[in-house]
Amino acid sequence: MFARAYLKQLKQWAKKGQPNYMHHLALLDAEDSIIRKKPLDAAHFYQSSIQLAQQNNCIHDEALANERFAACRQDQGDHGTAKTLLRKSINLYGEWGADAKAKQLEAL
């Protein structure tokens, strides 16, 4: 319930032209698509979230979007893409200074 309320708030901010929330919105749309069993929609939203976070220099959010997209691809059996996305996430977390998180993901 809370997630849907947050998603609604983000969509309202997006309509007002606040682009720094767009990558959050795309990530939540991706997660919602997973819940609704729409993996193609989820992939689109994950890619959008990654690109928007990168454009806004939100390295931690870009890392998170890559991490979640990797988990999605892993669940779908696309292990090669999942590995690539996970490696990107690890590198981004390391670049951001979240060494413990990077090490956690490396242990997977």
PDB file of N, CA and C in Angstrom:
ATOM      1  N   MET A   1       0.816  -1.179   0.000  1.00  0.00           N
ATOM      2  CA  MET A   1       0.000   0.000   0.000  1.00  0.00           C
ATOM      3  C   MET A   1       0.869   1.255   0.000  1.00  0.00           C
ATOM      4  N   PHE A   2       1.889   1.268   0.864  1.00  0.00           N
ATOM      5  CA  PHE A   2       2.782   2.417   0.950  1.00  0.00           C
ATOM      6  C   PHE A   2       3.506   2.647  -0.380  1.00  0.00           C
ATOM      7  N   ALA A   3       3.942   1.573  -1.014  1.00  0.00           N
ATOM      8  CA  ALA A   3       4.670   1.690  -2.278  1.00  0.00           C
ATOM      9  C   ALA A   3       3.809   2.342  -3.346  1.00  0.00           C
ATOM     10  N   ARG A   4       2.556   1.988  -3.404  1.00  0.00           N
ATOM     11  CA  ARG A   4       1.661   2.586  -4.407  1.00  0.00           C
ATOM     12  C   ARG A   4       1.455   4.077  -4.132  1.00  0.00           C
ATOM     13  N   ALA A   5       1.379   4.459  -2.868  1.00  0.00           N
ATOM     14  CA  ALA A   5       1.230   5.872  -2.517  1.00  0.00           C
ATOM     15  C   ALA A   5       2.486   6.648  -2.913  1.00  0.00           C
ATOM     16  N   TYR A   6       3.642   6.049  -2.669  1.00  0.00           N
ATOM     17  CA  TYR A   6       4.908   6.684  -3.039  1.00  0.00           C
ATOM     18  C   TYR A   6       5.005   6.815  -4.557  1.00  0.00           C
ATOM     19  N   LEU A   7       4.614   5.779  -5.267  1.00  0.00           N
ATOM     20  CA  LEU A   7       4.625   5.803  -6.721  1.00  0.00           C
ATOM     21  C   LEU A   7       3.725   6.918  -7.241  1.00  0.00           C
ATOM     22  N   LYS A   8       2.568   7.070  -6.641  1.00  0.00           N
ATOM     23  CA  LYS A   8       1.642   8.139  -7.030  1.00  0.00           C
ATOM     24  C   LYS A   8       2.274   9.515  -6.806  1.00  0.00           C
ATOM     25  N   GLN A   9       2.940   9.694  -5.671  1.00  0.00           N
ATOM     26  CA  GLN A   9       3.605  10.967  -5.371  1.00  0.00           C
ATOM     27  C   GLN A   9       4.710  11.258  -6.373  1.00  0.00           C
ATOM     28  N   LEU A  10       5.503  10.242  -6.716  1.00  0.00           N
ATOM     29  CA  LEU A  10       6.566  10.432  -7.695  1.00  0.00           C
ATOM     30  C   LEU A  10       6.007  10.840  -9.053  1.00  0.00           C
ATOM     31  N   LYS A  11       4.899  10.235  -9.439  1.00  0.00           N
ATOM     32  CA  LYS A  11       4.281  10.585 -10.729  1.00  0.00           C
ATOM     33  C   LYS A  11       3.789  12.027 -10.718  1.00  0.00           C
ATOM     34  N   GLN A  12       3.293  12.494  -9.578  1.00  0.00           N
ATOM     35  CA  GLN A  12       2.862  13.888  -9.473  1.00  0.00           C
ATOM     36  C   GLN A  12       4.058  14.829  -9.599  1.00  0.00           C
ATOM     37  N   TRP A  13       5.169  14.489  -8.941  1.00  0.00           N
ATOM     38  CA  TRP A  13       6.368  15.317  -9.038  1.00  0.00           C
ATOM     39  C   TRP A  13       6.901  15.319 -10.470  1.00  0.00           C
ATOM     40  N   ALA A  14       6.834  14.177 -11.117  1.00  0.00           N
ATOM     41  CA  ALA A  14       7.322  14.076 -12.491  1.00  0.00           C
ATOM     42  C   ALA A  14       6.520  14.988 -13.413  1.00  0.00           C
ATOM     43  N   LYS A  15       5.219  15.066 -13.187  1.00  0.00           N
ATOM     44  CA  LYS A  15       4.372  15.941 -14.002  1.00  0.00           C
ATOM     45  C   LYS A  15       4.743  17.405 -13.823  1.00  0.00           C
ATOM     46  N   LYS A  16       5.300  17.738 -12.663  1.00  0.00           N
ATOM     47  CA  LYS A  16       5.698  19.118 -12.377  1.00  0.00           C
ATOM     48  C   LYS A  16       7.093  19.425 -12.910  1.00  0.00           C
ATOM     49  N   GLY A  17       7.682  18.472 -13.590  1.00  0.00           N
ATOM     50  CA  GLY A  17       8.973  18.690 -14.220  1.00  0.00           C
ATOM     51  C   GLY A  17      10.157  18.594 -13.286  1.00  0.00           C
ATOM     52  N   GLN A  18      10.090  17.732 -12.292  1.00  0.00           N
ATOM     53  CA  GLN A  18      11.210  17.534 -11.386  1.00  0.00           C
ATOM     54  C   GLN A  18      11.954  16.268 -11.804  1.00  0.00           C
ATOM     55  N   PRO A  19      12.909  16.407 -12.725  1.00  0.00           N
ATOM     56  CA  PRO A  19      13.539  15.231 -13.340  1.00  0.00           C
ATOM     57  C   PRO A  19      14.376  14.382 -12.399  1.00  0.00           C
ATOM     58  N   ASN A  20      14.791  14.902 -11.257  1.00  0.00           N
ATOM     59  CA  ASN A  20      15.623  14.103 -10.371  1.00  0.00           C
ATOM     60  C   ASN A  20      14.849  12.973  -9.712  1.00  0.00           C
ATOM     61  N   TYR A  21      13.549  12.886  -9.916  1.00  0.00           N
ATOM     62  CA  TYR A  21      12.748  11.789  -9.382  1.00  0.00           C
ATOM     63  C   TYR A  21      12.416  10.736 -10.446  1.00  0.00           C
ATOM     64  N   MET A  22      12.743  11.031 -11.682  1.00  0.00           N
ATOM     65  CA  MET A  22      12.328  10.148 -12.768  1.00  0.00           C
ATOM     66  C   MET A  22      12.952   8.757 -12.677  1.00  0.00           C
ATOM     67  N   HIS A  23      14.185   8.659 -12.263  1.00  0.00           N
ATOM     68  CA  HIS A  23      14.814   7.336 -12.176  1.00  0.00           C
ATOM     69  C   HIS A  23      14.191   6.512 -11.048  1.00  0.00           C
ATOM     70  N   HIS A  24      13.751   7.170  -9.984  1.00  0.00           N
ATOM     71  CA  HIS A  24      13.050   6.459  -8.912  1.00  0.00           C
ATOM     72  C   HIS A  24      11.716   5.914  -9.431  1.00  0.00           C
ATOM     73  N   LEU A  25      11.035   6.743 -10.177  1.00  0.00           N
ATOM     74  CA  LEU A  25       9.748   6.352 -10.745  1.00  0.00           C
ATOM     75  C   LEU A  25       9.912   5.149 -11.671  1.00  0.00           C
ATOM     76  N   ALA A  26      10.910   5.201 -12.530  1.00  0.00           N
ATOM     77  CA  ALA A  26      11.151   4.084 -13.454  1.00  0.00           C
ATOM     78  C   ALA A  26      11.502   2.802 -12.699  1.00  0.00           C
ATOM     79  N   LEU A  27      12.292   2.919 -11.632  1.00  0.00           N
ATOM     80  CA  LEU A  27      12.655   1.738 -10.852  1.00  0.00           C
ATOM     81  C   LEU A  27      11.429   1.130 -10.172  1.00  0.00           C
ATOM     82  N   LEU A  28      10.583   1.972  -9.618  1.00  0.00           N
ATOM     83  CA  LEU A  28       9.358   1.457  -8.997  1.00  0.00           C
ATOM     84  C   LEU A  28       8.420   0.847 -10.027  1.00  0.00           C
ATOM     85  N   ASP A  29       8.351   1.451 -11.213  1.00  0.00           N
ATOM     86  CA  ASP A  29       7.542   0.861 -12.289  1.00  0.00           C
ATOM     87  C   ASP A  29       8.099  -0.512 -12.686  1.00  0.00           C
ATOM     88  N   ALA A  30       9.419  -0.642 -12.698  1.00  0.00           N
ATOM     89  CA  ALA A  30      10.034  -1.940 -13.020  1.00  0.00           C
ATOM     90  C   ALA A  30       9.661  -2.989 -11.976  1.00  0.00           C
ATOM     91  N   GLU A  31       9.778  -2.621 -10.709  1.00  0.00           N
ATOM     92  CA  GLU A  31       9.440  -3.566  -9.639  1.00  0.00           C
ATOM     93  C   GLU A  31       7.957  -3.929  -9.680  1.00  0.00           C
ATOM     94  N   ASP A  32       7.119  -2.951  -9.970  1.00  0.00           N
ATOM     95  CA  ASP A  32       5.684  -3.207 -10.089  1.00  0.00           C
ATOM     96  C   ASP A  32       5.408  -4.157 -11.259  1.00  0.00           C
ATOM     97  N   SER A  33       6.144  -3.985 -12.354  1.00  0.00           N
ATOM     98  CA  SER A  33       5.984  -4.872 -13.513  1.00  0.00           C
ATOM     99  C   SER A  33       6.383  -6.305 -13.172  1.00  0.00           C
ATOM    100  N   ILE A  34       7.403  -6.479 -12.344  1.00  0.00           N
ATOM    101  CA  ILE A  34       7.801  -7.815 -11.907  1.00  0.00           C
ATOM    102  C   ILE A  34       6.672  -8.458 -11.106  1.00  0.00           C
ATOM    103  N   ILE A  35       6.111  -7.690 -10.187  1.00  0.00           N
ATOM    104  CA  ILE A  35       5.004  -8.200  -9.372  1.00  0.00           C
ATOM    105  C   ILE A  35       3.828  -8.608 -10.255  1.00  0.00           C
ATOM    106  N   ARG A  36       3.602  -7.841 -11.309  1.00  0.00           N
ATOM    107  CA  ARG A  36       2.486  -8.109 -12.226  1.00  0.00           C
ATOM    108  C   ARG A  36       2.837  -9.134 -13.301  1.00  0.00           C
ATOM    109  N   LYS A  37       4.045  -9.719 -13.175  1.00  0.00           N
ATOM    110  CA  LYS A  37       4.520 -10.754 -14.109  1.00  0.00           C
ATOM    111  C   LYS A  37       4.576 -10.256 -15.556  1.00  0.00           C
ATOM    112  N   LYS A  38       5.176  -9.061 -15.714  1.00  0.00           N
ATOM    113  CA  LYS A  38       5.381  -8.460 -17.031  1.00  0.00           C
ATOM    114  C   LYS A  38       6.868  -8.164 -17.208  1.00  0.00           C
ATOM    115  N   PRO A  39       7.665  -9.204 -17.468  1.00  0.00           N
ATOM    116  CA  PRO A  39       9.119  -9.028 -17.511  1.00  0.00           C
ATOM    117  C   PRO A  39       9.623  -8.115 -18.633  1.00  0.00           C
ATOM    118  N   LEU A  40       8.939  -8.069 -19.746  1.00  0.00           N
ATOM    119  CA  LEU A  40       9.376  -7.165 -20.824  1.00  0.00           C
ATOM    120  C   LEU A  40       9.192  -5.714 -20.419  1.00  0.00           C
ATOM    121  N   ASP A  41       8.080  -5.416 -19.769  1.00  0.00           N
ATOM    122  CA  ASP A  41       7.868  -4.056 -19.257  1.00  0.00           C
ATOM    123  C   ASP A  41       8.909  -3.737 -18.195  1.00  0.00           C
ATOM    124  N   ALA A  42       9.176  -4.691 -17.330  1.00  0.00           N
ATOM    125  CA  ALA A  42      10.168  -4.491 -16.267  1.00  0.00           C
ATOM    126  C   ALA A  42      11.528  -4.157 -16.872  1.00  0.00           C
ATOM    127  N   ALA A  43      11.946  -4.892 -17.892  1.00  0.00           N
ATOM    128  CA  ALA A  43      13.244  -4.643 -18.523  1.00  0.00           C
ATOM    129  C   ALA A  43      13.316  -3.220 -19.068  1.00  0.00           C
ATOM    130  N   HIS A  44      12.252  -2.790 -19.703  1.00  0.00           N
ATOM    131  CA  HIS A  44      12.194  -1.412 -20.227  1.00  0.00           C
ATOM    132  C   HIS A  44      12.364  -0.402 -19.098  1.00  0.00           C
ATOM    133  N   PHE A  45      11.656  -0.584 -18.015  1.00  0.00           N
ATOM    134  CA  PHE A  45      11.718   0.360 -16.901  1.00  0.00           C
ATOM    135  C   PHE A  45      13.076   0.314 -16.190  1.00  0.00           C
ATOM    136  N   TYR A  46      13.647  -0.874 -16.037  1.00  0.00           N
ATOM    137  CA  TYR A  46      14.986  -0.957 -15.434  1.00  0.00           C
ATOM    138  C   TYR A  46      15.999  -0.198 -16.289  1.00  0.00           C
ATOM    139  N   GLN A  47      15.964  -0.425 -17.590  1.00  0.00           N
ATOM    140  CA  GLN A  47      16.894   0.262 -18.479  1.00  0.00           C
ATOM    141  C   GLN A  47      16.707   1.773 -18.415  1.00  0.00           C
ATOM    142  N   SER A  48      15.459   2.198 -18.349  1.00  0.00           N
ATOM    143  CA  SER A  48      15.161   3.623 -18.231  1.00  0.00           C
ATOM    144  C   SER A  48      15.694   4.186 -16.918  1.00  0.00           C
ATOM    145  N   SER A  49      15.483   3.460 -15.837  1.00  0.00           N
ATOM    146  CA  SER A  49      15.964   3.900 -14.530  1.00  0.00           C
ATOM    147  C   SER A  49      17.488   4.040 -14.524  1.00  0.00           C
ATOM    148  N   ILE A  50      18.165   3.076 -15.104  1.00  0.00           N
ATOM    149  CA  ILE A  50      19.631   3.113 -15.170  1.00  0.00           C
ATOM    150  C   ILE A  50      20.092   4.333 -15.959  1.00  0.00           C
ATOM    151  N   GLN A  51      19.500   4.542 -17.103  1.00  0.00           N
ATOM    152  CA  GLN A  51      19.892   5.665 -17.958  1.00  0.00           C
ATOM    153  C   GLN A  51      19.615   7.008 -17.274  1.00  0.00           C
ATOM    154  N   LEU A  52      18.446   7.155 -16.665  1.00  0.00           N
ATOM    155  CA  LEU A  52      18.097   8.412 -16.002  1.00  0.00           C
ATOM    156  C   LEU A  52      18.970   8.674 -14.776  1.00  0.00           C
ATOM    157  N   ALA A  53      19.264   7.640 -14.015  1.00  0.00           N
ATOM    158  CA  ALA A  53      20.143   7.808 -12.850  1.00  0.00           C
ATOM    159  C   ALA A  53      21.535   8.235 -13.310  1.00  0.00           C
ATOM    160  N   GLN A  54      21.991   7.643 -14.386  1.00  0.00           N
ATOM    161  CA  GLN A  54      23.304   7.992 -14.936  1.00  0.00           C
ATOM    162  C   GLN A  54      23.314   9.457 -15.394  1.00  0.00           C
ATOM    163  N   GLN A  55      22.268   9.880 -16.074  1.00  0.00           N
ATOM    164  CA  GLN A  55      22.178  11.260 -16.549  1.00  0.00           C
ATOM    165  C   GLN A  55      22.153  12.269 -15.403  1.00  0.00           C
ATOM    166  N   ASN A  56      21.586  11.866 -14.270  1.00  0.00           N
ATOM    167  CA  ASN A  56      21.480  12.756 -13.116  1.00  0.00           C
ATOM    168  C   ASN A  56      22.628  12.564 -12.118  1.00  0.00           C
ATOM    169  N   ASN A  57      23.646  11.796 -12.520  1.00  0.00           N
ATOM    170  CA  ASN A  57      24.810  11.538 -11.669  1.00  0.00           C
ATOM    171  C   ASN A  57      24.427  10.968 -10.303  1.00  0.00           C
ATOM    172  N   CYS A  58      23.445  10.090 -10.294  1.00  0.00           N
ATOM    173  CA  CYS A  58      23.005   9.413  -9.063  1.00  0.00           C
ATOM    174  C   CYS A  58      23.585   8.005  -9.076  1.00  0.00           C
ATOM    175  N   ILE A  59      24.863   7.919  -8.781  1.00  0.00           N
ATOM    176  CA  ILE A  59      25.594   6.660  -8.913  1.00  0.00           C
ATOM    177  C   ILE A  59      25.011   5.565  -8.031  1.00  0.00           C
ATOM    178  N   HIS A  60      24.577   5.915  -6.834  1.00  0.00           N
ATOM    179  CA  HIS A  60      24.017   4.906  -5.921  1.00  0.00           C
ATOM    180  C   HIS A  60      22.699   4.354  -6.453  1.00  0.00           C
ATOM    181  N   ASP A  61      21.903   5.209  -7.072  1.00  0.00           N
ATOM    182  CA  ASP A  61      20.640   4.743  -7.655  1.00  0.00           C
ATOM    183  C   ASP A  61      20.876   3.945  -8.931  1.00  0.00           C
ATOM    184  N   GLU A  62      21.885   4.323  -9.686  1.00  0.00           N
ATOM    185  CA  GLU A  62      22.254   3.545 -10.866  1.00  0.00           C
ATOM    186  C   GLU A  62      22.726   2.153 -10.447  1.00  0.00           C
ATOM    187  N   ALA A  63      23.494   2.095  -9.356  1.00  0.00           N
ATOM    188  CA  ALA A  63      23.956   0.805  -8.834  1.00  0.00           C
ATOM    189  C   ALA A  63      22.769  -0.061  -8.412  1.00  0.00           C
ATOM    190  N   LEU A  64      21.833   0.540  -7.712  1.00  0.00           N
ATOM    191  CA  LEU A  64      20.655  -0.203  -7.249  1.00  0.00           C
ATOM    192  C   LEU A  64      19.825  -0.711  -8.428  1.00  0.00           C
ATOM    193  N   ALA A  65      19.615   0.128  -9.433  1.00  0.00           N
ATOM    194  CA  ALA A  65      18.831  -0.296 -10.595  1.00  0.00           C
ATOM    195  C   ALA A  65      19.516  -1.455 -11.318  1.00  0.00           C
ATOM    196  N   ASN A  66      20.835  -1.389 -11.450  1.00  0.00           N
ATOM    197  CA  ASN A  66      21.574  -2.505 -12.060  1.00  0.00           C
ATOM    198  C   ASN A  66      21.451  -3.769 -11.220  1.00  0.00           C
ATOM    199  N   GLU A  67      21.542  -3.616  -9.904  1.00  0.00           N
ATOM    200  CA  GLU A  67      21.407  -4.771  -9.005  1.00  0.00           C
ATOM    201  C   GLU A  67      20.044  -5.432  -9.146  1.00  0.00           C
ATOM    202  N   ARG A  68      18.994  -4.642  -9.143  1.00  0.00           N
ATOM    203  CA  ARG A  68      17.640  -5.186  -9.241  1.00  0.00           C
ATOM    204  C   ARG A  68      17.393  -5.788 -10.627  1.00  0.00           C
ATOM    205  N   PHE A  69      17.908  -5.149 -11.678  1.00  0.00           N
ATOM    206  CA  PHE A  69      17.757  -5.674 -13.033  1.00  0.00           C
ATOM    207  C   PHE A  69      18.504  -6.997 -13.146  1.00  0.00           C
ATOM    208  N   ALA A  70      19.666  -7.102 -12.512  1.00  0.00           N
ATOM    209  CA  ALA A  70      20.416  -8.367 -12.517  1.00  0.00           C
ATOM    210  C   ALA A  70      19.600  -9.478 -11.874  1.00  0.00           C
ATOM    211  N   ALA A  71      18.969  -9.169 -10.754  1.00  0.00           N
ATOM    212  CA  ALA A  71      18.144 -10.176 -10.072  1.00  0.00           C
ATOM    213  C   ALA A  71      16.974 -10.609 -10.956  1.00  0.00           C
ATOM    214  N   CYS A  72      16.393  -9.652 -11.646  1.00  0.00           N
ATOM    215  CA  CYS A  72      15.280  -9.945 -12.567  1.00  0.00           C
ATOM    216  C   CYS A  72      15.740 -10.888 -13.682  1.00  0.00           C
ATOM    217  N   ARG A  73      16.874 -10.555 -14.304  1.00  0.00           N
ATOM    218  CA  ARG A  73      17.385 -11.384 -15.408  1.00  0.00           C
ATOM    219  C   ARG A  73      17.794 -12.782 -14.909  1.00  0.00           C
ATOM    220  N   GLN A  74      18.362 -12.832 -13.706  1.00  0.00           N
ATOM    221  CA  GLN A  74      18.734 -14.119 -13.111  1.00  0.00           C
ATOM    222  C   GLN A  74      17.496 -14.989 -12.928  1.00  0.00           C
ATOM    223  N   ASP A  75      16.436 -14.403 -12.407  1.00  0.00           N
ATOM    224  CA  ASP A  75      15.181 -15.132 -12.191  1.00  0.00           C
ATOM    225  C   ASP A  75      14.581 -15.634 -13.500  1.00  0.00           C
ATOM    226  N   GLN A  76      14.873 -14.930 -14.593  1.00  0.00           N
ATOM    227  CA  GLN A  76      14.343 -15.319 -15.900  1.00  0.00           C
ATOM    228  C   GLN A  76      15.266 -16.284 -16.629  1.00  0.00           C
ATOM    229  N   GLY A  77      16.374 -16.649 -15.987  1.00  0.00           N
ATOM    230  CA  GLY A  77      17.279 -17.614 -16.591  1.00  0.00           C
ATOM    231  C   GLY A  77      18.321 -17.026 -17.528  1.00  0.00           C
ATOM    232  N   ASP A  78      18.393 -15.708 -17.612  1.00  0.00           N
ATOM    233  CA  ASP A  78      19.377 -15.044 -18.476  1.00  0.00           C
ATOM    234  C   ASP A  78      20.619 -14.753 -17.631  1.00  0.00           C
ATOM    235  N   HIS A  79      21.384 -15.798 -17.356  1.00  0.00           N
ATOM    236  CA  HIS A  79      22.501 -15.707 -16.421  1.00  0.00           C
ATOM    237  C   HIS A  79      23.645 -14.827 -16.925  1.00  0.00           C
ATOM    238  N   GLY A  80      23.869 -14.816 -18.219  1.00  0.00           N
ATOM    239  CA  GLY A  80      24.942 -13.987 -18.775  1.00  0.00           C
ATOM    240  C   GLY A  80      24.678 -12.502 -18.575  1.00  0.00           C
ATOM    241  N   THR A  81      23.470 -12.080 -18.920  1.00  0.00           N
ATOM    242  CA  THR A  81      23.105 -10.678 -18.730  1.00  0.00           C
ATOM    243  C   THR A  81      23.085 -10.331 -17.246  1.00  0.00           C
ATOM    244  N   ALA A  82      22.577 -11.249 -16.441  1.00  0.00           N
ATOM    245  CA  ALA A  82      22.531 -11.010 -14.993  1.00  0.00           C
ATOM    246  C   ALA A  82      23.935 -10.788 -14.441  1.00  0.00           C
ATOM    247  N   LYS A  83      24.889 -11.587 -14.896  1.00  0.00           N
ATOM    248  CA  LYS A  83      26.274 -11.463 -14.421  1.00  0.00           C
ATOM    249  C   LYS A  83      26.866 -10.109 -14.820  1.00  0.00           C
ATOM    250  N   THR A  84      26.600  -9.690 -16.042  1.00  0.00           N
ATOM    251  CA  THR A  84      27.095  -8.394 -16.532  1.00  0.00           C
ATOM    252  C   THR A  84      26.505  -7.242 -15.721  1.00  0.00           C
ATOM    253  N   LEU A  85      25.207  -7.301 -15.488  1.00  0.00           N
ATOM    254  CA  LEU A  85      24.537  -6.251 -14.714  1.00  0.00           C
ATOM    255  C   LEU A  85      25.017  -6.231 -13.266  1.00  0.00           C
ATOM    256  N   LEU A  86      25.212  -7.404 -12.691  1.00  0.00           N
ATOM    257  CA  LEU A  86      25.689  -7.486 -11.315  1.00  0.00           C
ATOM    258  C   LEU A  86      27.100  -6.909 -11.211  1.00  0.00           C
ATOM    259  N   ARG A  87      27.960  -7.215 -12.178  1.00  0.00           N
ATOM    260  CA  ARG A  87      29.324  -6.674 -12.188  1.00  0.00           C
ATOM    261  C   ARG A  87      29.282  -5.146 -12.273  1.00  0.00           C
ATOM    262  N   LYS A  88      28.398  -4.615 -13.112  1.00  0.00           N
ATOM    263  CA  LYS A  88      28.244  -3.158 -13.228  1.00  0.00           C
ATOM    264  C   LYS A  88      27.796  -2.573 -11.893  1.00  0.00           C
ATOM    265  N   SER A  89      26.856  -3.226 -11.249  1.00  0.00           N
ATOM    266  CA  SER A  89      26.374  -2.764  -9.952  1.00  0.00           C
ATOM    267  C   SER A  89      27.495  -2.760  -8.915  1.00  0.00           C
ATOM    268  N   ILE A  90      28.266  -3.825  -8.866  1.00  0.00           N
ATOM    269  CA  ILE A  90      29.391  -3.923  -7.929  1.00  0.00           C
ATOM    270  C   ILE A  90      30.388  -2.789  -8.171  1.00  0.00           C
ATOM    271  N   ASN A  91      30.704  -2.551  -9.428  1.00  0.00           N
ATOM    272  CA  ASN A  91      31.635  -1.477  -9.765  1.00  0.00           C
ATOM    273  C   ASN A  91      31.097  -0.107  -9.339  1.00  0.00           C
ATOM    274  N   LEU A  92      29.816   0.115  -9.569  1.00  0.00           N
ATOM    275  CA  LEU A  92      29.210   1.394  -9.190  1.00  0.00           C
ATOM    276  C   LEU A  92      29.171   1.581  -7.680  1.00  0.00           C
ATOM    277  N   TYR A  93      28.802   0.523  -6.966  1.00  0.00           N
ATOM    278  CA  TYR A  93      28.809   0.624  -5.504  1.00  0.00           C
ATOM    279  C   TYR A  93      30.227   0.922  -5.008  1.00  0.00           C
ATOM    280  N   GLY A  94      31.222   0.279  -5.596  1.00  0.00           N
ATOM    281  CA  GLY A  94      32.608   0.537  -5.218  1.00  0.00           C
ATOM    282  C   GLY A  94      33.022   1.970  -5.511  1.00  0.00           C
ATOM    283  N   GLU A  95      32.626   2.455  -6.679  1.00  0.00           N
ATOM    284  CA  GLU A  95      32.933   3.832  -7.074  1.00  0.00           C
ATOM    285  C   GLU A  95      32.289   4.839  -6.110  1.00  0.00           C
ATOM    286  N   TRP A  96      31.106   4.499  -5.627  1.00  0.00           N
ATOM    287  CA  TRP A  96      30.374   5.364  -4.702  1.00  0.00           C
ATOM    288  C   TRP A  96      30.956   5.297  -3.291  1.00  0.00           C
ATOM    289  N   GLY A  97      31.731   4.260  -3.027  1.00  0.00           N
ATOM    290  CA  GLY A  97      32.337   4.098  -1.718  1.00  0.00           C
ATOM    291  C   GLY A  97      31.611   3.111  -0.817  1.00  0.00           C
ATOM    292  N   ALA A  98      30.645   2.403  -1.360  1.00  0.00           N
ATOM    293  CA  ALA A  98      29.889   1.407  -0.596  1.00  0.00           C
ATOM    294  C   ALA A  98      30.585   0.054  -0.720  1.00  0.00           C
ATOM    295  N   ASP A  99      31.759  -0.014  -0.136  1.00  0.00           N
ATOM    296  CA  ASP A  99      32.589  -1.213  -0.274  1.00  0.00           C
ATOM    297  C   ASP A  99      31.948  -2.454   0.333  1.00  0.00           C
ATOM    298  N   ALA A 100      31.273  -2.289   1.477  1.00  0.00           N
ATOM    299  CA  ALA A 100      30.624  -3.442   2.112  1.00  0.00           C
ATOM    300  C   ALA A 100      29.519  -3.995   1.209  1.00  0.00           C
ATOM    301  N   LYS A 101      28.778  -3.115   0.555  1.00  0.00           N
ATOM    302  CA  LYS A 101      27.722  -3.566  -0.352  1.00  0.00           C
ATOM    303  C   LYS A 101      28.342  -4.265  -1.565  1.00  0.00           C
ATOM    304  N   ALA A 102      29.398  -3.708  -2.094  1.00  0.00           N
ATOM    305  CA  ALA A 102      30.078  -4.332  -3.228  1.00  0.00           C
ATOM    306  C   ALA A 102      30.574  -5.736  -2.859  1.00  0.00           C
ATOM    307  N   LYS A 103      31.145  -5.870  -1.684  1.00  0.00           N
ATOM    308  CA  LYS A 103      31.634  -7.177  -1.238  1.00  0.00           C
ATOM    309  C   LYS A 103      30.478  -8.157  -1.037  1.00  0.00           C
ATOM    310  N   GLN A 104      29.360  -7.650  -0.524  1.00  0.00           N
ATOM    311  CA  GLN A 104      28.185  -8.503  -0.345  1.00  0.00           C
ATOM    312  C   GLN A 104      27.737  -9.081  -1.684  1.00  0.00           C
ATOM    313  N   LEU A 105      27.683  -8.227  -2.696  1.00  0.00           N
ATOM    314  CA  LEU A 105      27.255  -8.690  -4.020  1.00  0.00           C
ATOM    315  C   LEU A 105      28.288  -9.612  -4.657  1.00  0.00           C
ATOM    316  N   GLU A 106      29.553  -9.376  -4.411  1.00  0.00           N
ATOM    317  CA  GLU A 106      30.598 -10.246  -4.961  1.00  0.00           C
ATOM    318  C   GLU A 106      30.486 -11.660  -4.405  1.00  0.00           C
ATOM    319  N   ALA A 107      29.946 -11.776  -3.219  1.00  0.00           N
ATOM    320  CA  ALA A 107      29.805 -13.106  -2.574  1.00  0.00           C
ATOM    321  C   ALA A 107      28.648 -13.902  -3.149  1.00  0.00           C
ATOM    322  N   LEU A 108      27.807 -13.289  -3.969  1.00  0.00           N
ATOM    323  CA  LEU A 108      26.663 -14.015  -4.533  1.00  0.00           C
ATOM    324  C   LEU A 108      27.099 -15.011  -5.595  1.00  0.00           C
TER     325      LEU A 108
END
